PDB file of N, CA and C in Angstrom:
ATOM      1  N   MET A   1     -70.123 -27.768 -10.409  1.00  0.00           N
ATOM      2  CA  MET A   1     -70.741 -27.894  -9.120  1.00  0.00           C
ATOM      3  C   MET A   1     -70.591 -26.608  -8.353  1.00  0.00           C
ATOM      4  N   SER A   2     -71.605 -26.246  -7.618  1.00  0.00           N
ATOM      5  CA  SER A   2     -71.546 -25.019  -6.851  1.00  0.00           C
ATOM      6  C   SER A   2     -71.794 -25.333  -5.392  1.00  0.00           C
ATOM      7  N   SER A   3     -71.335 -24.453  -4.537  1.00  0.00           N
ATOM      8  CA  SER A   3     -71.604 -24.609  -3.116  1.00  0.00           C
ATOM      9  C   SER A   3     -71.850 -23.237  -2.541  1.00  0.00           C
ATOM     10  N   HIS A   4     -72.580 -23.197  -1.425  1.00  0.00           N
ATOM     11  CA  HIS A   4     -72.794 -21.948  -0.736  1.00  0.00           C
ATOM     12  C   HIS A   4     -73.036 -22.220   0.736  1.00  0.00           C
ATOM     13  N   ASP A   5     -72.839 -21.205   1.561  1.00  0.00           N
ATOM     14  CA  ASP A   5     -73.088 -21.317   2.989  1.00  0.00           C
ATOM     15  C   ASP A   5     -74.419 -20.666   3.306  1.00  0.00           C
ATOM     16  N   ASP A   6     -75.173 -21.273   4.213  1.00  0.00           N
ATOM     17  CA  ASP A   6     -76.359 -20.623   4.737  1.00  0.00           C
ATOM     18  C   ASP A   6     -76.340 -20.786   6.250  1.00  0.00           C
ATOM     19  N   GLU A   7     -77.397 -20.439   6.921  1.00  0.00           N
ATOM     20  CA  GLU A   7     -77.400 -20.471   8.379  1.00  0.00           C
ATOM     21  C   GLU A   7     -77.265 -21.874   8.935  1.00  0.00           C
ATOM     22  N   THR A   8     -77.651 -22.899   8.199  1.00  0.00           N
ATOM     23  CA  THR A   8     -77.595 -24.265   8.707  1.00  0.00           C
ATOM     24  C   THR A   8     -76.307 -24.981   8.321  1.00  0.00           C
ATOM     25  N   GLY A   9     -75.473 -24.405   7.498  1.00  0.00           N
ATOM     26  CA  GLY A   9     -74.234 -25.037   7.082  1.00  0.00           C
ATOM     27  C   GLY A   9     -74.073 -25.035   5.580  1.00  0.00           C
ATOM     28  N   GLU A  10     -73.020 -25.676   5.140  1.00  0.00           N
ATOM     29  CA  GLU A  10     -72.693 -25.680   3.717  1.00  0.00           C
ATOM     30  C   GLU A  10     -73.592 -26.633   2.949  1.00  0.00           C
ATOM     31  N   GLU A  11     -73.981 -26.232   1.745  1.00  0.00           N
ATOM     32  CA  GLU A  11     -74.777 -27.065   0.847  1.00  0.00           C
ATOM     33  C   GLU A  11     -74.071 -27.176  -0.489  1.00  0.00           C
ATOM     34  N   PHE A  12     -74.336 -28.267  -1.196  1.00  0.00           N
ATOM     35  CA  PHE A  12     -73.718 -28.529  -2.488  1.00  0.00           C
ATOM     36  C   PHE A  12     -74.786 -28.885  -3.505  1.00  0.00           C
ATOM     37  N   GLU A  13     -74.566 -28.458  -4.745  1.00  0.00           N
ATOM     38  CA  GLU A  13     -75.433 -28.853  -5.850  1.00  0.00           C
ATOM     39  C   GLU A  13     -74.628 -29.760  -6.765  1.00  0.00           C
ATOM     40  N   CYS A  14     -75.156 -30.945  -7.036  1.00  0.00           N
ATOM     41  CA  CYS A  14     -74.480 -31.912  -7.897  1.00  0.00           C
ATOM     42  C   CYS A  14     -74.671 -31.511  -9.352  1.00  0.00           C
ATOM     43  N   ASP A  15     -73.571 -31.375 -10.088  1.00  0.00           N
ATOM     44  CA  ASP A  15     -73.644 -31.033 -11.504  1.00  0.00           C
ATOM     45  C   ASP A  15     -74.227 -32.169 -12.347  1.00  0.00           C
ATOM     46  N   THR A  16     -74.139 -33.395 -11.851  1.00  0.00           N
ATOM     47  CA  THR A  16     -74.597 -34.544 -12.625  1.00  0.00           C
ATOM     48  C   THR A  16     -76.105 -34.750 -12.540  1.00  0.00           C
ATOM     49  N   CYS A  17     -76.640 -34.804 -11.305  1.00  0.00           N
ATOM     50  CA  CYS A  17     -78.070 -35.106 -11.164  1.00  0.00           C
ATOM     51  C   CYS A  17     -78.895 -33.929 -10.666  1.00  0.00           C
ATOM     52  N   GLY A  18     -78.248 -32.824 -10.270  1.00  0.00           N
ATOM     53  CA  GLY A  18     -78.970 -31.639  -9.849  1.00  0.00           C
ATOM     54  C   GLY A  18     -79.417 -31.634  -8.398  1.00  0.00           C
ATOM     55  N   ALA A  19     -79.108 -32.685  -7.659  1.00  0.00           N
ATOM     56  CA  ALA A  19     -79.508 -32.742  -6.244  1.00  0.00           C
ATOM     57  C   ALA A  19     -78.806 -31.641  -5.458  1.00  0.00           C
ATOM     58  N   VAL A  20     -79.527 -31.064  -4.501  1.00  0.00           N
ATOM     59  CA  VAL A  20     -78.956 -30.090  -3.586  1.00  0.00           C
ATOM     60  C   VAL A  20     -78.981 -30.733  -2.212  1.00  0.00           C
ATOM     61  N   LEU A  21     -77.816 -30.819  -1.591  1.00  0.00           N
ATOM     62  CA  LEU A  21     -77.745 -31.505  -0.313  1.00  0.00           C
ATOM     63  C   LEU A  21     -76.828 -30.800   0.663  1.00  0.00           C
ATOM     64  N   ALA A  22     -77.115 -31.013   1.932  1.00  0.00           N
ATOM     65  CA  ALA A  22     -76.322 -30.431   3.007  1.00  0.00           C
ATOM     66  C   ALA A  22     -75.000 -31.175   3.130  1.00  0.00           C
ATOM     67  N   PHE A  23     -74.012 -30.489   3.651  1.00  0.00           N
ATOM     68  CA  PHE A  23     -72.693 -31.077   3.891  1.00  0.00           C
ATOM     69  C   PHE A  23     -72.824 -32.415   4.627  1.00  0.00           C
ATOM     70  N   GLU A  24     -73.694 -32.459   5.626  1.00  0.00           N
ATOM     71  CA  GLU A  24     -73.861 -33.661   6.446  1.00  0.00           C
ATOM     72  C   GLU A  24     -74.426 -34.844   5.666  1.00  0.00           C
ATOM     73  N   ASP A  25     -75.132 -34.573   4.566  1.00  0.00           N
ATOM     74  CA  ASP A  25     -75.753 -35.636   3.777  1.00  0.00           C
ATOM     75  C   ASP A  25     -74.846 -36.200   2.686  1.00  0.00           C
ATOM     76  N   ALA A  26     -73.747 -35.516   2.418  1.00  0.00           N
ATOM     77  CA  ALA A  26     -72.826 -35.997   1.385  1.00  0.00           C
ATOM     78  C   ALA A  26     -72.131 -37.271   1.868  1.00  0.00           C
ATOM     79  N   ARG A  27     -71.904 -38.169   0.947  1.00  0.00           N
ATOM     80  CA  ARG A  27     -71.196 -39.405   1.266  1.00  0.00           C
ATOM     81  C   ARG A  27     -69.703 -39.121   1.255  1.00  0.00           C
ATOM     82  N   ARG A  28     -69.003 -39.562   2.277  1.00  0.00           N
ATOM     83  CA  ARG A  28     -67.564 -39.325   2.382  1.00  0.00           C
ATOM     84  C   ARG A  28     -66.791 -40.546   1.910  1.00  0.00           C
ATOM     85  N   THR A  29     -65.781 -40.313   1.085  1.00  0.00           N
ATOM     86  CA  THR A  29     -64.951 -41.400   0.573  1.00  0.00           C
ATOM     87  C   THR A  29     -63.485 -41.014   0.690  1.00  0.00           C
ATOM     88  N   LYS A  30     -62.625 -41.985   0.484  1.00  0.00           N
ATOM     89  CA  LYS A  30     -61.186 -41.706   0.457  1.00  0.00           C
ATOM     90  C   LYS A  30     -60.855 -40.843  -0.743  1.00  0.00           C
ATOM     91  N   THR A  31     -59.800 -40.072  -0.602  1.00  0.00           N
ATOM     92  CA  THR A  31     -59.357 -39.236  -1.712  1.00  0.00           C
ATOM     93  C   THR A  31     -58.478 -40.035  -2.657  1.00  0.00           C
ATOM     94  N   MET A  32     -58.261 -39.483  -3.842  1.00  0.00           N
ATOM     95  CA  MET A  32     -57.357 -40.085  -4.816  1.00  0.00           C
ATOM     96  C   MET A  32     -56.087 -39.251  -4.865  1.00  0.00           C
ATOM     97  N   GLY A  33     -55.066 -39.754  -5.471  1.00  0.00           N
ATOM     98  CA  GLY A  33     -53.861 -38.979  -5.699  1.00  0.00           C
ATOM     99  C   GLY A  33     -52.903 -38.928  -4.526  1.00  0.00           C
ATOM    100  N   GLY A  34     -53.045 -39.840  -3.582  1.00  0.00           N
ATOM    101  CA  GLY A  34     -52.081 -39.913  -2.500  1.00  0.00           C
ATOM    102  C   GLY A  34     -52.282 -38.923  -1.363  1.00  0.00           C
ATOM    103  N   LEU A  35     -53.425 -38.243  -1.316  1.00  0.00           N
ATOM    104  CA  LEU A  35     -53.686 -37.350  -0.192  1.00  0.00           C
ATOM    105  C   LEU A  35     -53.899 -38.174   1.079  1.00  0.00           C
ATOM    106  N   ASP A  36     -53.448 -37.662   2.205  1.00  0.00           N
ATOM    107  CA  ASP A  36     -53.576 -38.341   3.497  1.00  0.00           C
ATOM    108  C   ASP A  36     -55.059 -38.445   3.869  1.00  0.00           C
ATOM    109  N   PRO A  37     -55.627 -39.675   3.951  1.00  0.00           N
ATOM    110  CA  PRO A  37     -57.053 -39.832   4.230  1.00  0.00           C
ATOM    111  C   PRO A  37     -57.455 -39.409   5.645  1.00  0.00           C
ATOM    112  N   THR A  38     -56.498 -39.218   6.545  1.00  0.00           N
ATOM    113  CA  THR A  38     -56.837 -38.718   7.874  1.00  0.00           C
ATOM    114  C   THR A  38     -56.997 -37.203   7.866  1.00  0.00           C
ATOM    115  N   LYS A  39     -56.555 -36.565   6.775  1.00  0.00           N
ATOM    116  CA  LYS A  39     -56.637 -35.112   6.675  1.00  0.00           C
ATOM    117  C   LYS A  39     -57.581 -34.640   5.576  1.00  0.00           C
ATOM    118  N   TRP A  40     -57.837 -35.482   4.579  1.00  0.00           N
ATOM    119  CA  TRP A  40     -58.657 -35.101   3.424  1.00  0.00           C
ATOM    120  C   TRP A  40     -59.743 -36.146   3.182  1.00  0.00           C
ATOM    121  N   GLN A  41     -60.923 -35.700   2.804  1.00  0.00           N
ATOM    122  CA  GLN A  41     -61.998 -36.594   2.396  1.00  0.00           C
ATOM    123  C   GLN A  41     -62.664 -36.022   1.152  1.00  0.00           C
ATOM    124  N   THR A  42     -63.165 -36.909   0.308  1.00  0.00           N
ATOM    125  CA  THR A  42     -63.919 -36.492  -0.866  1.00  0.00           C
ATOM    126  C   THR A  42     -65.400 -36.645  -0.547  1.00  0.00           C
ATOM    127  N   LEU A  43     -66.173 -35.611  -0.810  1.00  0.00           N
ATOM    128  CA  LEU A  43     -67.616 -35.653  -0.617  1.00  0.00           C
ATOM    129  C   LEU A  43     -68.257 -36.037  -1.940  1.00  0.00           C
ATOM    130  N   CYS A  44     -69.155 -37.026  -1.894  1.00  0.00           N
ATOM    131  CA  CYS A  44     -69.827 -37.508  -3.096  1.00  0.00           C
ATOM    132  C   CYS A  44     -71.337 -37.418  -2.930  1.00  0.00           C
ATOM    133  N   CYS A  45     -72.029 -37.293  -4.043  1.00  0.00           N
ATOM    134  CA  CYS A  45     -73.483 -37.242  -4.056  1.00  0.00           C
ATOM    135  C   CYS A  45     -74.047 -38.616  -3.681  1.00  0.00           C
ATOM    136  N   PRO A  46     -74.935 -38.679  -2.687  1.00  0.00           N
ATOM    137  CA  PRO A  46     -75.517 -39.967  -2.315  1.00  0.00           C
ATOM    138  C   PRO A  46     -76.524 -40.491  -3.345  1.00  0.00           C
ATOM    139  N   ASN A  47     -76.979 -39.611  -4.256  1.00  0.00           N
ATOM    140  CA  ASN A  47     -77.958 -40.023  -5.270  1.00  0.00           C
ATOM    141  C   ASN A  47     -77.312 -40.690  -6.479  1.00  0.00           C
ATOM    142  N   CYS A  48     -76.231 -40.087  -6.994  1.00  0.00           N
ATOM    143  CA  CYS A  48     -75.639 -40.618  -8.224  1.00  0.00           C
ATOM    144  C   CYS A  48     -74.172 -41.023  -8.069  1.00  0.00           C
ATOM    145  N   GLY A  49     -73.546 -40.643  -6.957  1.00  0.00           N
ATOM    146  CA  GLY A  49     -72.160 -41.039  -6.711  1.00  0.00           C
ATOM    147  C   GLY A  49     -71.108 -40.076  -7.245  1.00  0.00           C
ATOM    148  N   SER A  50     -71.515 -39.010  -7.916  1.00  0.00           N
ATOM    149  CA  SER A  50     -70.536 -38.056  -8.456  1.00  0.00           C
ATOM    150  C   SER A  50     -69.796 -37.335  -7.337  1.00  0.00           C
ATOM    151  N   ARG A  51     -68.539 -37.017  -7.612  1.00  0.00           N
ATOM    152  CA  ARG A  51     -67.761 -36.260  -6.635  1.00  0.00           C
ATOM    153  C   ARG A  51     -68.237 -34.819  -6.601  1.00  0.00           C
ATOM    154  N   LEU A  52     -68.361 -34.291  -5.375  1.00  0.00           N
ATOM    155  CA  LEU A  52     -68.796 -32.911  -5.184  1.00  0.00           C
ATOM    156  C   LEU A  52     -67.621 -32.003  -4.843  1.00  0.00           C
ATOM    157  N   LYS A  53     -66.789 -32.445  -3.921  1.00  0.00           N
ATOM    158  CA  LYS A  53     -65.706 -31.585  -3.437  1.00  0.00           C
ATOM    159  C   LYS A  53     -64.776 -32.407  -2.558  1.00  0.00           C
ATOM    160  N   THR A  54     -63.478 -32.070  -2.562  1.00  0.00           N
ATOM    161  CA  THR A  54     -62.515 -32.655  -1.638  1.00  0.00           C
ATOM    162  C   THR A  54     -62.277 -31.615  -0.546  1.00  0.00           C
ATOM    163  N   VAL A  55     -62.392 -32.053   0.713  1.00  0.00           N
ATOM    164  CA  VAL A  55     -62.288 -31.118   1.832  1.00  0.00           C
ATOM    165  C   VAL A  55     -61.210 -31.536   2.818  1.00  0.00           C
ATOM    166  N   PHE A  56     -60.619 -30.538   3.476  1.00  0.00           N
ATOM    167  CA  PHE A  56     -59.631 -30.743   4.521  1.00  0.00           C
ATOM    168  C   PHE A  56     -60.376 -30.978   5.826  1.00  0.00           C
ATOM    169  N   VAL A  57     -60.120 -32.110   6.497  1.00  0.00           N
ATOM    170  CA  VAL A  57     -60.864 -32.454   7.715  1.00  0.00           C
ATOM    171  C   VAL A  57     -59.989 -32.492   8.954  1.00  0.00           C
ATOM    172  N   ASP A  58     -58.682 -32.325   8.823  1.00  0.00           N
ATOM    173  CA  ASP A  58     -57.792 -32.348   9.974  1.00  0.00           C
ATOM    174  C   ASP A  58     -57.841 -30.991  10.657  1.00  0.00           C
ATOM    175  N   GLU A  59     -57.882 -31.009  11.984  1.00  0.00           N
ATOM    176  CA  GLU A  59     -57.909 -29.735  12.701  1.00  0.00           C
ATOM    177  C   GLU A  59     -56.529 -29.322  12.936  1.00  0.00           C
TER     178      GLU A  59
END
């Protein structure tokens, strides 16, 4: 999976289905492995459900 920044924000390409989507369009789910869900979220593809990236969301 690849990601890049452009003027409108971060975008992700799903390795599974090839969809390219904006950060805002990714589905957010709880993380695995005991990470604090108030600080970390996993971004998933809304088309096929594959995980795209785990991100830190706590300020």
